[in-house]
């Protein structure tokens, strides 16, 4: 009788407690319900609930989830946050434009920085987005040419001087050349993501020097991110020669070489350059490239780019140049005046066709990066505000050049995979999976798109409803969240 009574009491306690395990179901920090989740690595493209705890994704599942905050994501596409390998943007204003464009990680890899440790320290705890840099080959060589030490560091404080100084057209003096490699290696030790080389901007870089720089990447198992030596359709001094140099150096040094913005260096020959890279990769050479989905580049009329013969080299005419001051196309007289003057000489050079851009975007080797910079009013370049949304809105929804998954692959997974061999933290980015970092974007496929255009560049993209960086919302309901700084440093070599 006592035994029966005990069993009745136990049964009653279970019934009062409700279904078995109900009380043990976790309550997550944040849950997205009913999103169309796309993860290119696993091939997932289905409606799922997504749970976030701390800075990590802990579940992508059909199972109902509970959260301290729950967001109804029905009708939205959920994707891993976009990784911009080529961003010269700095400051919170430009970070806001990029966050509204779906970017959760922005990296300065083409030009890089020096000293690397100072660059990271200046940004610690202050960034909206994840951030990182390469060690700048161009900056290091200028540091040496200015005598190194305090004098060299003082010269680097003016970034404009770096690209206008007479020294960049000269080889590094023999007396200090031996310091180049150790300084680059120190930058990598300090966490730099490879070596950045603005080769065309520094005509004094010899072929031997560029090979030595590539050998640094080979020895350290990192990568060279290069603005190649020439942008030209005409030999000698053609883009073809530059790409061949990059491929040869990668083969000799057994190194990774990434050629930046192939669209603005090779113009109509860009698909041919990608074909050369593909043939090299088939032979075990680690070379890759990127493009941005706009037909124009930003240039300075008084730079070497517009030395005599520029029309044939770039395949354009004066009328293809658009003033960044007025937004109007130039006449020959206006070009001549700017070339010989001292005022604002910035132009946008329209040198690509839609067919070329589409061919590049559809090539499996080519990833997407913005080459964006500071938002400088309406006549700046729209790539700074709308690169990733333009891919989604124009090339996926409107022209159907890509599907959603392939576009997300090029903007999230492929950049992560390009780096993860020597940047361990990137193994947890570019994925929408349990265990990945909670860098997540949610966008409306019916409205996502770039609002920035030539002549009206300072406009936020539309359609991104939620953007999360390391588990913290930076865009909430389509609105930038004020006073949050969840961005973390991205460093090579396993540094925290």
Protein backbone atom coordinates (compact mmCIF):
# COMPACT_ATOMS: atom_id res chain seq x y z
CA UNK A 1 0.00 0.00 0.00
CA UNK A 2 2.83 2.39 0.89
CA UNK A 3 4.65 1.36 -2.30
CA UNK A 4 1.54 2.13 -4.44
CA UNK A 5 1.14 5.50 -2.72
CA UNK A 6 4.77 6.37 -3.48
CA UNK A 7 4.31 5.56 -7.18
CA UNK A 8 1.18 7.74 -7.31
CA UNK A 9 3.09 10.66 -5.80
CA UNK A 10 5.92 10.25 -8.31
CA UNK A 11 3.46 10.17 -11.22
CA UNK A 12 1.71 13.27 -9.95
CA UNK A 13 5.01 15.15 -9.73
CA UNK A 14 5.83 14.26 -13.34
CA UNK A 15 2.42 15.41 -14.55
CA UNK A 16 2.73 18.68 -12.69
CA UNK A 17 6.15 19.24 -14.23
CA UNK A 18 4.71 18.91 -17.75
CA UNK A 19 6.26 16.98 -20.66
CA UNK A 20 9.57 15.25 -20.06
CA UNK A 21 12.47 17.65 -20.82
CA UNK A 22 10.29 20.73 -21.22
CA UNK A 23 11.97 22.55 -18.37
CA UNK A 24 15.45 21.73 -19.68
CA UNK A 25 14.93 23.34 -23.11
CA UNK A 26 17.47 26.19 -23.35
CA UNK A 27 16.51 29.82 -23.71
CA UNK A 28 18.93 31.41 -26.17
CA UNK A 29 20.15 34.98 -26.28
CA UNK A 30 18.44 35.57 -29.63
CA UNK A 31 16.41 33.43 -31.99
CA UNK A 32 15.47 34.10 -35.62
CA UNK A 33 12.32 32.21 -36.59
CA UNK A 34 11.40 30.96 -40.02
CA UNK A 35 14.19 32.43 -42.15
CA UNK A 36 15.24 30.96 -45.48
CA UNK A 37 18.69 29.88 -44.34
CA UNK A 38 21.41 29.63 -47.01
CA UNK A 39 24.80 28.11 -46.19
CA UNK A 40 26.84 27.54 -49.36
CA UNK A 41 29.36 25.22 -47.68
CA UNK A 42 26.78 22.58 -46.72
CA UNK A 43 24.34 23.35 -49.51
CA UNK A 44 21.59 24.24 -47.05
CA UNK A 45 18.75 26.29 -48.57
CA UNK A 46 15.65 25.77 -46.46
CA UNK A 47 13.45 27.39 -43.84
CA UNK A 48 15.15 27.16 -40.47
CA UNK A 49 15.18 28.64 -36.98
CA UNK A 50 18.54 30.04 -35.90
CA UNK A 51 19.76 30.41 -32.31
CA UNK A 52 22.58 32.67 -31.12
CA UNK A 53 24.30 32.55 -27.74
CA UNK A 54 27.10 35.00 -27.03
CA UNK A 55 29.10 35.42 -30.21
CA UNK A 56 28.25 32.02 -31.70
CA UNK A 57 25.54 30.36 -33.76
CA UNK A 58 24.41 27.38 -31.66
CA UNK A 59 21.58 25.99 -33.78
CA UNK A 60 20.23 26.08 -37.33
CA UNK A 61 17.27 23.78 -37.10
CA UNK A 62 13.64 22.95 -37.88
CA UNK A 63 13.04 22.41 -34.14
CA UNK A 64 11.17 25.20 -32.30
CA UNK A 65 13.51 27.42 -30.29
CA UNK A 66 13.12 29.85 -27.40
CA UNK A 67 15.01 33.11 -27.09
CA UNK A 68 15.26 36.03 -24.71
CA UNK A 69 14.57 37.96 -27.89
CA UNK A 70 12.78 36.38 -30.84
CA UNK A 71 12.80 37.90 -34.33
CA UNK A 72 10.19 36.90 -36.89
CA UNK A 73 12.38 36.30 -39.96
CA UNK A 74 9.75 34.80 -42.22
CA UNK A 75 10.23 36.00 -45.78
CA UNK A 76 13.86 36.96 -45.17
CA UNK A 77 17.01 35.20 -46.38
CA UNK A 78 19.54 34.42 -43.66
CA UNK A 79 23.19 34.27 -44.76
CA UNK A 80 26.64 34.44 -43.22
CA UNK A 81 27.92 38.01 -42.99
CA UNK A 82 29.84 39.26 -46.01
CA UNK A 83 33.64 39.49 -45.83
CA UNK A 84 35.20 42.37 -47.76
CA UNK A 85 38.85 41.52 -48.47
CA UNK A 86 39.50 44.90 -50.05
CA UNK A 87 38.26 47.87 -48.06
CA UNK A 88 40.12 51.15 -47.60
CA UNK A 89 37.22 52.52 -45.58
CA UNK A 90 37.93 53.78 -42.09
CA UNK A 91 35.84 55.32 -39.35
CA UNK A 92 32.34 54.77 -38.06
CA UNK A 93 30.55 56.58 -40.88
CA UNK A 94 31.90 54.28 -43.56
CA UNK A 95 31.40 51.26 -41.29
CA UNK A 96 27.72 52.19 -41.14
CA UNK A 97 27.44 52.23 -44.93
CA UNK A 98 29.11 48.84 -45.11
CA UNK A 99 26.96 47.36 -42.34
CA UNK A 100 23.88 48.47 -44.27
CA UNK A 101 25.43 46.67 -47.26
CA UNK A 102 25.64 43.37 -45.35
CA UNK A 103 29.36 43.53 -44.53
CA UNK A 104 30.40 42.15 -41.13
CA UNK A 105 34.17 41.96 -41.73
CA UNK A 106 36.23 44.54 -43.65
CA UNK A 107 39.92 44.01 -44.36
CA UNK A 108 42.60 46.34 -45.77
CA UNK A 109 44.65 43.81 -47.73
CA UNK A 110 45.65 45.57 -50.98
CA UNK A 111 47.75 48.42 -49.54
CA UNK A 112 48.00 47.28 -45.92
CA UNK A 113 49.59 49.18 -43.06
CA UNK A 114 52.85 49.74 -41.23
CA UNK A 115 53.57 49.47 -38.34
CA UNK A 116 51.03 46.68 -38.01
CA UNK A 117 50.88 46.58 -34.21
CA UNK A 118 50.04 50.31 -34.07
CA UNK A 119 47.28 49.86 -36.65
CA UNK A 120 45.54 47.19 -34.58
CA UNK A 121 46.00 49.04 -31.27
CA UNK A 122 44.37 52.17 -32.69
CA UNK A 123 41.19 50.20 -33.46
CA UNK A 124 40.85 47.95 -30.41
CA UNK A 125 37.37 48.20 -28.91
CA UNK A 126 36.31 50.94 -31.34
CA UNK A 127 35.08 49.12 -34.44
CA UNK A 128 31.55 48.37 -35.60
CA UNK A 129 32.79 45.60 -37.93
CA UNK A 130 35.52 42.98 -37.69
CA UNK A 131 38.79 44.42 -38.99
CA UNK A 132 42.27 43.45 -40.17
CA UNK A 133 45.18 44.48 -42.36
CA UNK A 134 48.09 43.15 -44.33
CA UNK A 135 51.59 44.47 -43.78
CA UNK A 136 52.09 47.17 -46.41
CA UNK A 137 54.97 46.48 -48.78
CA UNK A 138 54.63 49.95 -50.28
CA UNK A 139 54.62 51.56 -46.82
CA UNK A 140 57.62 49.55 -45.58
CA UNK A 141 59.74 50.43 -48.61
CA UNK A 142 58.82 54.13 -48.20
CA UNK A 143 59.74 53.90 -44.51
CA UNK A 144 63.17 52.62 -45.56
CA UNK A 145 63.59 55.21 -48.30
CA UNK A 146 62.91 57.98 -45.78
CA UNK A 147 65.69 56.68 -43.55
CA UNK A 148 63.72 54.37 -41.25
CA UNK A 149 63.37 55.06 -37.53
CA UNK A 150 61.54 58.18 -36.35
CA UNK A 151 61.96 59.95 -39.68
CA UNK A 152 60.42 57.06 -41.60
CA UNK A 153 57.49 56.80 -39.20
CA UNK A 154 56.87 60.54 -39.40
CA UNK A 155 56.74 60.31 -43.21
CA UNK A 156 54.09 57.56 -43.00
CA UNK A 157 51.73 59.74 -41.00
CA UNK A 158 50.62 61.42 -44.22
CA UNK A 159 49.06 58.70 -46.39
CA UNK A 160 48.77 61.03 -49.38
CA UNK A 161 52.51 61.66 -49.32
CA UNK A 162 53.14 57.95 -49.62
CA UNK A 163 51.61 57.86 -53.11
CA UNK A 164 52.92 61.20 -54.36
CA UNK A 165 56.50 61.07 -53.08
CA UNK A 166 59.35 60.91 -55.59
CA UNK A 167 60.83 57.95 -53.69
CA UNK A 168 58.13 55.53 -54.84
CA UNK A 169 59.48 55.76 -58.38
CA UNK A 170 62.95 54.70 -57.20
CA UNK A 171 64.37 51.33 -56.13
CA UNK A 172 65.12 50.84 -52.45
CA UNK A 173 68.76 51.91 -51.83
CA UNK A 174 71.13 48.96 -51.60
CA UNK A 175 72.28 50.09 -48.13
CA UNK A 176 68.84 49.43 -46.61
CA UNK A 177 67.36 46.85 -48.99
CA UNK A 178 68.34 44.03 -46.62
CA UNK A 179 65.86 45.38 -44.04
CA UNK A 180 62.82 44.93 -46.29
CA UNK A 181 62.23 41.23 -45.70
CA UNK A 182 62.74 41.32 -41.88
CA UNK A 183 60.30 44.22 -41.57
CA UNK A 184 57.66 42.41 -43.61
CA UNK A 185 58.17 39.29 -41.51
CA UNK A 186 57.83 41.35 -38.33
CA UNK A 187 54.51 42.67 -39.60
CA UNK A 188 53.30 39.11 -40.16
CA UNK A 189 54.47 38.17 -36.66
CA UNK A 190 52.41 41.09 -35.34
CA UNK A 191 49.30 39.56 -36.87
CA UNK A 192 49.16 41.02 -40.38
CA UNK A 193 47.02 39.10 -42.88
CA UNK A 194 49.64 38.53 -45.55
CA UNK A 195 51.57 41.19 -47.48
CA UNK A 196 49.82 43.99 -49.38
CA UNK A 197 51.58 45.51 -52.38
CA UNK A 198 50.34 48.50 -54.37
CA UNK A 199 52.82 47.61 -57.07
CA UNK A 200 51.55 49.90 -59.81
CA UNK A 201 51.62 52.86 -57.43
CA UNK A 202 55.35 52.34 -56.73
CA UNK A 203 57.12 52.05 -60.10
CA UNK A 204 60.44 51.67 -58.31
CA UNK A 205 59.56 48.12 -57.25
CA UNK A 206 61.91 45.91 -59.26
CA UNK A 207 61.04 42.40 -60.44
CA UNK A 208 63.61 41.02 -57.99
CA UNK A 209 62.01 42.95 -55.14
CA UNK A 210 58.55 41.63 -55.99
CA UNK A 211 59.89 38.09 -56.11
CA UNK A 212 61.56 38.58 -52.71
CA UNK A 213 58.25 39.84 -51.30
CA UNK A 214 56.43 36.80 -52.69
CA UNK A 215 59.07 34.53 -51.15
CA UNK A 216 58.19 36.01 -47.75
CA UNK A 217 54.62 34.83 -48.27
CA UNK A 218 55.84 31.41 -49.36
CA UNK A 219 58.07 30.93 -46.31
CA UNK A 220 55.41 32.11 -43.88
CA UNK A 221 52.56 30.26 -45.63
CA UNK A 222 50.62 33.49 -46.00
CA UNK A 223 49.66 35.44 -49.13
CA UNK A 224 50.56 38.46 -51.27
CA UNK A 225 47.63 40.74 -52.14
CA UNK A 226 48.77 42.71 -55.15
CA UNK A 227 47.60 45.63 -57.22
CA UNK A 228 49.60 44.35 -60.19
CA UNK A 229 52.38 46.26 -61.90
CA UNK A 230 50.49 47.39 -65.02
CA UNK A 231 46.91 48.04 -66.05
CA UNK A 232 47.00 48.12 -69.83
CA UNK A 233 45.70 46.42 -72.95
CA UNK A 234 48.93 47.32 -74.78
CA UNK A 235 52.33 45.66 -74.65
CA UNK A 236 54.89 46.29 -73.35
CA UNK A 237 53.66 47.10 -69.87
CA UNK A 238 50.41 45.16 -70.19
CA UNK A 239 48.17 43.56 -67.59
CA UNK A 240 48.98 40.23 -69.21
CA UNK A 241 52.66 40.69 -68.34
CA UNK A 242 51.71 41.63 -64.79
CA UNK A 243 49.50 38.59 -64.28
CA UNK A 244 52.22 36.38 -65.75
CA UNK A 245 54.69 37.90 -63.26
CA UNK A 246 52.33 37.16 -60.38
CA UNK A 247 51.79 33.58 -61.52
CA UNK A 248 55.52 33.01 -62.04
CA UNK A 249 56.36 34.41 -58.60
CA UNK A 250 53.69 32.24 -56.98
CA UNK A 251 55.13 29.17 -58.72
CA UNK A 252 58.75 29.96 -57.84
CA UNK A 253 58.02 30.84 -54.21
CA UNK A 254 55.29 28.21 -53.71
CA UNK A 255 53.20 31.07 -52.37
CA UNK A 256 49.64 32.32 -52.42
CA UNK A 257 49.12 35.37 -54.64
CA UNK A 258 45.80 37.20 -54.80
CA UNK A 259 45.35 39.74 -57.61
CA UNK A 260 42.99 42.52 -56.55
CA UNK A 261 40.19 44.08 -58.68
CA UNK A 262 40.99 42.31 -61.94
CA UNK A 263 38.11 44.21 -63.59
CA UNK A 264 39.82 47.57 -63.16
CA UNK A 265 43.26 46.30 -64.23
CA UNK A 266 42.45 44.19 -67.29
CA UNK A 267 39.24 45.77 -68.61
CA UNK A 268 37.94 43.76 -71.60
CA UNK A 269 40.85 41.31 -71.16
CA UNK A 270 39.80 40.48 -67.58
CA UNK A 271 38.12 37.14 -68.48
CA UNK A 272 41.33 36.11 -70.28
CA UNK A 273 43.37 36.93 -67.16
CA UNK A 274 41.06 34.76 -65.05
CA UNK A 275 41.50 31.95 -67.57
CA UNK A 276 45.29 32.19 -67.12
CA UNK A 277 44.83 31.94 -63.36
CA UNK A 278 42.58 28.92 -63.74
CA UNK A 279 45.17 27.16 -65.89
CA UNK A 280 47.83 27.98 -63.30
CA UNK A 281 45.65 26.60 -60.49
CA UNK A 282 45.20 23.38 -62.46
CA UNK A 283 48.99 23.03 -62.22
CA UNK A 284 49.05 23.57 -58.47
CA UNK A 285 49.82 27.30 -58.39
CA UNK A 286 47.91 29.18 -55.69
CA UNK A 287 46.60 32.30 -57.44
CA UNK A 288 43.18 33.94 -57.16
CA UNK A 289 41.37 37.19 -57.88
CA UNK A 290 38.38 39.41 -57.10
CA UNK A 291 36.15 41.98 -58.78
CA UNK A 292 33.65 44.69 -57.86
CA UNK A 293 30.35 44.94 -59.78
CA UNK A 294 30.75 48.45 -61.16
CA UNK A 295 32.02 49.59 -64.56
CA UNK A 296 34.31 52.37 -63.29
CA UNK A 297 37.42 52.87 -61.17
CA UNK A 298 38.58 55.87 -59.13
CA UNK A 299 41.78 57.49 -60.40
CA UNK A 300 43.83 60.69 -60.23
CA UNK A 301 44.39 62.46 -63.56
CA UNK A 302 47.88 63.59 -62.55
CA UNK A 303 48.98 60.05 -61.73
CA UNK A 304 51.01 57.74 -64.00
CA UNK A 305 47.75 56.10 -65.04
CA UNK A 306 47.08 59.02 -67.41
CA UNK A 307 50.55 59.38 -68.88
CA UNK A 308 50.50 59.77 -72.70
CA UNK A 309 48.94 56.78 -74.47
CA UNK A 310 46.45 56.17 -71.66
CA UNK A 311 43.46 55.92 -74.02
CA UNK A 312 44.83 52.82 -75.77
CA UNK A 313 46.15 51.30 -72.56
CA UNK A 314 42.79 51.45 -70.83
CA UNK A 315 40.54 51.14 -73.87
CA UNK A 316 38.65 54.37 -73.10
CA UNK A 317 38.25 57.98 -74.27
CA UNK A 318 38.12 61.33 -72.50
CA UNK A 319 34.32 61.13 -72.48
CA UNK A 320 34.54 57.99 -70.34
CA UNK A 321 36.01 60.05 -67.50
CA UNK A 322 33.59 61.48 -64.93
CA UNK A 323 34.64 64.31 -62.62
CA UNK A 324 34.33 63.49 -58.92
CA UNK A 325 33.81 67.21 -58.25
CA UNK A 326 30.97 67.95 -60.66
CA UNK A 327 29.71 64.49 -61.59
CA UNK A 328 29.91 65.42 -65.29
CA UNK A 329 31.81 63.66 -68.09
CA UNK A 330 34.99 65.51 -69.10
CA UNK A 331 35.80 67.29 -72.33
CA UNK A 332 39.33 67.25 -73.73
CA UNK A 333 39.87 70.84 -72.58
CA UNK A 334 38.76 69.98 -69.05
CA UNK A 335 41.04 66.95 -69.00
CA UNK A 336 44.02 69.02 -70.14
CA UNK A 337 43.32 71.66 -67.50
CA UNK A 338 43.07 69.09 -64.72
CA UNK A 339 46.18 67.27 -65.89
CA UNK A 340 48.27 70.44 -65.75
CA UNK A 341 46.56 72.03 -62.76
CA UNK A 342 46.72 71.69 -59.01
CA UNK A 343 43.06 71.42 -57.95
CA UNK A 344 40.91 68.36 -57.35
CA UNK A 345 41.86 65.89 -60.07
CA UNK A 346 39.79 62.87 -59.04
CA UNK A 347 37.83 61.08 -61.76
CA UNK A 348 35.82 57.94 -62.24
CA UNK A 349 37.00 56.07 -65.34
CA UNK A 350 34.26 53.95 -66.94
CA UNK A 351 36.13 51.13 -68.64
CA UNK A 352 34.07 47.94 -68.27
CA UNK A 353 31.01 46.63 -70.10
CA UNK A 354 28.11 44.83 -68.46
CA UNK A 355 29.05 41.70 -70.42
CA UNK A 356 32.57 41.72 -68.94
CA UNK A 357 31.28 42.22 -65.40
CA UNK A 358 28.73 39.42 -65.78
CA UNK A 359 31.36 37.03 -67.15
CA UNK A 360 33.63 37.75 -64.19
CA UNK A 361 30.85 37.34 -61.64
CA UNK A 362 29.82 34.00 -63.12
CA UNK A 363 33.35 32.60 -63.09
CA UNK A 364 33.78 30.16 -60.17
CA UNK A 365 37.29 31.51 -59.42
CA UNK A 366 36.27 35.14 -58.89
CA UNK A 367 35.10 36.43 -55.50
CA UNK A 368 33.52 39.80 -54.68
CA UNK A 369 35.33 42.65 -52.88
CA UNK A 370 34.48 46.36 -52.87
CA UNK A 371 37.74 48.35 -53.09
CA UNK A 372 35.64 50.89 -51.21
CA UNK A 373 36.94 53.91 -49.37
CA UNK A 374 35.77 56.97 -47.52
CA UNK A 375 32.29 58.18 -48.44
CA UNK A 376 33.08 61.51 -50.06
CA UNK A 377 29.76 63.01 -51.03
CA UNK A 378 27.51 62.27 -54.00
CA UNK A 379 30.25 62.10 -56.63
CA UNK A 380 32.31 59.46 -54.89
CA UNK A 381 32.35 55.86 -56.07
CA UNK A 382 29.15 53.91 -55.27
CA UNK A 383 31.18 50.76 -54.56
CA UNK A 384 31.94 52.18 -51.10
CA UNK A 385 28.27 51.94 -50.09
CA UNK A 386 26.58 49.42 -52.36
CA UNK A 387 28.82 46.65 -53.69
CA UNK A 388 27.25 43.62 -52.01
CA UNK A 389 23.65 44.77 -52.28
CA UNK A 390 24.24 45.45 -55.99
CA UNK A 391 25.28 41.84 -56.53
CA UNK A 392 22.12 40.61 -54.81
CA UNK A 393 19.68 43.10 -56.27
CA UNK A 394 20.99 43.57 -59.80
CA UNK A 395 22.84 40.36 -60.65
CA UNK A 396 20.68 37.86 -58.74
CA UNK A 397 17.14 39.25 -58.70
CA UNK A 398 17.12 41.39 -61.85
CA UNK A 399 19.48 39.82 -64.41
CA UNK A 400 19.56 36.34 -62.84
CA UNK A 401 23.27 36.03 -63.62
CA UNK A 402 23.65 34.12 -60.32
CA UNK A 403 21.41 32.40 -57.81
CA UNK A 404 21.25 33.45 -54.16
CA UNK A 405 23.53 30.67 -52.91
CA UNK A 406 26.27 31.28 -55.47
CA UNK A 407 26.23 35.02 -54.76
CA UNK A 408 26.50 34.41 -51.00
CA UNK A 409 29.35 31.97 -51.65
CA UNK A 410 31.34 34.65 -53.48
CA UNK A 411 30.74 37.25 -50.76
CA UNK A 412 31.09 35.15 -47.59
CA UNK A 413 32.42 31.61 -47.94
CA UNK A 414 35.06 32.18 -50.65
CA UNK A 415 36.74 35.10 -48.85
CA UNK A 416 36.87 33.05 -45.64
CA UNK A 417 38.34 30.06 -47.48
CA UNK A 418 40.94 32.27 -49.22
CA UNK A 419 42.31 33.25 -45.78
CA UNK A 420 41.63 30.35 -43.43
CA UNK A 421 44.84 28.47 -44.23
CA UNK A 422 46.85 31.14 -42.41
CA UNK A 423 44.11 33.04 -40.51
CA UNK A 424 42.56 30.44 -38.18
CA UNK A 425 39.64 32.62 -37.08
CA UNK A 426 38.32 32.64 -40.65
CA UNK A 427 37.43 28.95 -40.30
CA UNK A 428 34.50 30.14 -38.20
CA UNK A 429 33.32 32.86 -40.58
CA UNK A 430 31.52 32.78 -43.90
CA UNK A 431 29.26 29.94 -42.70
CA UNK A 432 25.72 29.72 -41.37
CA UNK A 433 26.22 26.67 -39.15
CA UNK A 434 26.20 25.71 -35.50
CA UNK A 435 29.65 26.57 -34.12
CA UNK A 436 30.28 29.43 -36.58
CA UNK A 437 30.71 33.00 -35.43
CA UNK A 438 27.40 34.85 -35.17
CA UNK A 439 28.10 37.18 -38.10
CA UNK A 440 24.68 36.98 -39.74
CA UNK A 441 22.75 39.02 -42.29
CA UNK A 442 19.00 38.90 -42.89
CA UNK A 443 17.74 40.53 -46.07
CA UNK A 444 14.51 40.82 -47.99
CA UNK A 445 15.04 39.20 -51.40
CA UNK A 446 12.26 41.33 -52.91
CA UNK A 447 13.84 44.68 -52.01
CA UNK A 448 17.57 44.17 -51.42
CA UNK A 449 19.70 46.34 -53.65
CA UNK A 450 22.15 49.23 -53.91
CA UNK A 451 20.73 52.73 -53.81
CA UNK A 452 24.18 54.28 -54.37
CA UNK A 453 24.78 55.24 -58.00
CA UNK A 454 27.26 57.37 -59.91
CA UNK A 455 26.45 60.95 -59.07
CA UNK A 456 24.58 59.99 -55.89
CA UNK A 457 27.01 57.65 -54.12
CA UNK A 458 26.39 58.47 -50.45
CA UNK A 459 23.27 56.36 -50.04
CA UNK A 460 22.64 53.35 -47.82
CA UNK A 461 21.72 50.06 -49.46
CA UNK A 462 18.22 48.78 -48.85
CA UNK A 463 16.76 45.42 -47.90
CA UNK A 464 19.07 44.42 -45.05
CA UNK A 465 16.74 44.08 -42.07
CA UNK A 466 19.18 42.62 -39.54
CA UNK A 467 22.98 42.54 -39.51
CA UNK A 468 24.77 40.88 -36.61
CA UNK A 469 28.48 41.03 -35.75
CA UNK A 470 29.75 38.55 -33.15
CA UNK A 471 26.24 38.10 -31.78
CA UNK A 472 25.50 41.84 -31.53
CA UNK A 473 22.97 43.51 -33.81
CA UNK A 474 24.46 46.47 -35.66
CA UNK A 475 21.43 46.83 -37.95
CA UNK A 476 18.09 46.16 -36.24
CA UNK A 477 14.88 46.35 -38.22
CA UNK A 478 16.73 48.10 -41.03
CA UNK A 479 18.12 50.80 -38.73
CA UNK A 480 21.75 51.24 -37.65
CA UNK A 481 22.16 50.58 -33.94
CA UNK A 482 23.97 53.47 -32.19
CA UNK A 483 26.86 53.10 -29.76
CA UNK A 484 27.78 49.45 -30.36
CA UNK A 485 31.34 48.33 -31.12
CA UNK A 486 31.33 44.52 -31.47
CA UNK A 487 34.05 44.33 -34.14
CA UNK A 488 37.01 42.12 -33.33
CA UNK A 489 40.51 42.01 -34.84
CA UNK A 490 41.28 39.43 -37.51
CA UNK A 491 44.90 38.33 -37.21
CA UNK A 492 47.08 35.72 -38.83
CA UNK A 493 49.18 33.07 -37.16
CA UNK A 494 46.65 32.00 -34.57
CA UNK A 495 46.90 35.24 -32.61
CA UNK A 496 43.85 35.91 -30.41
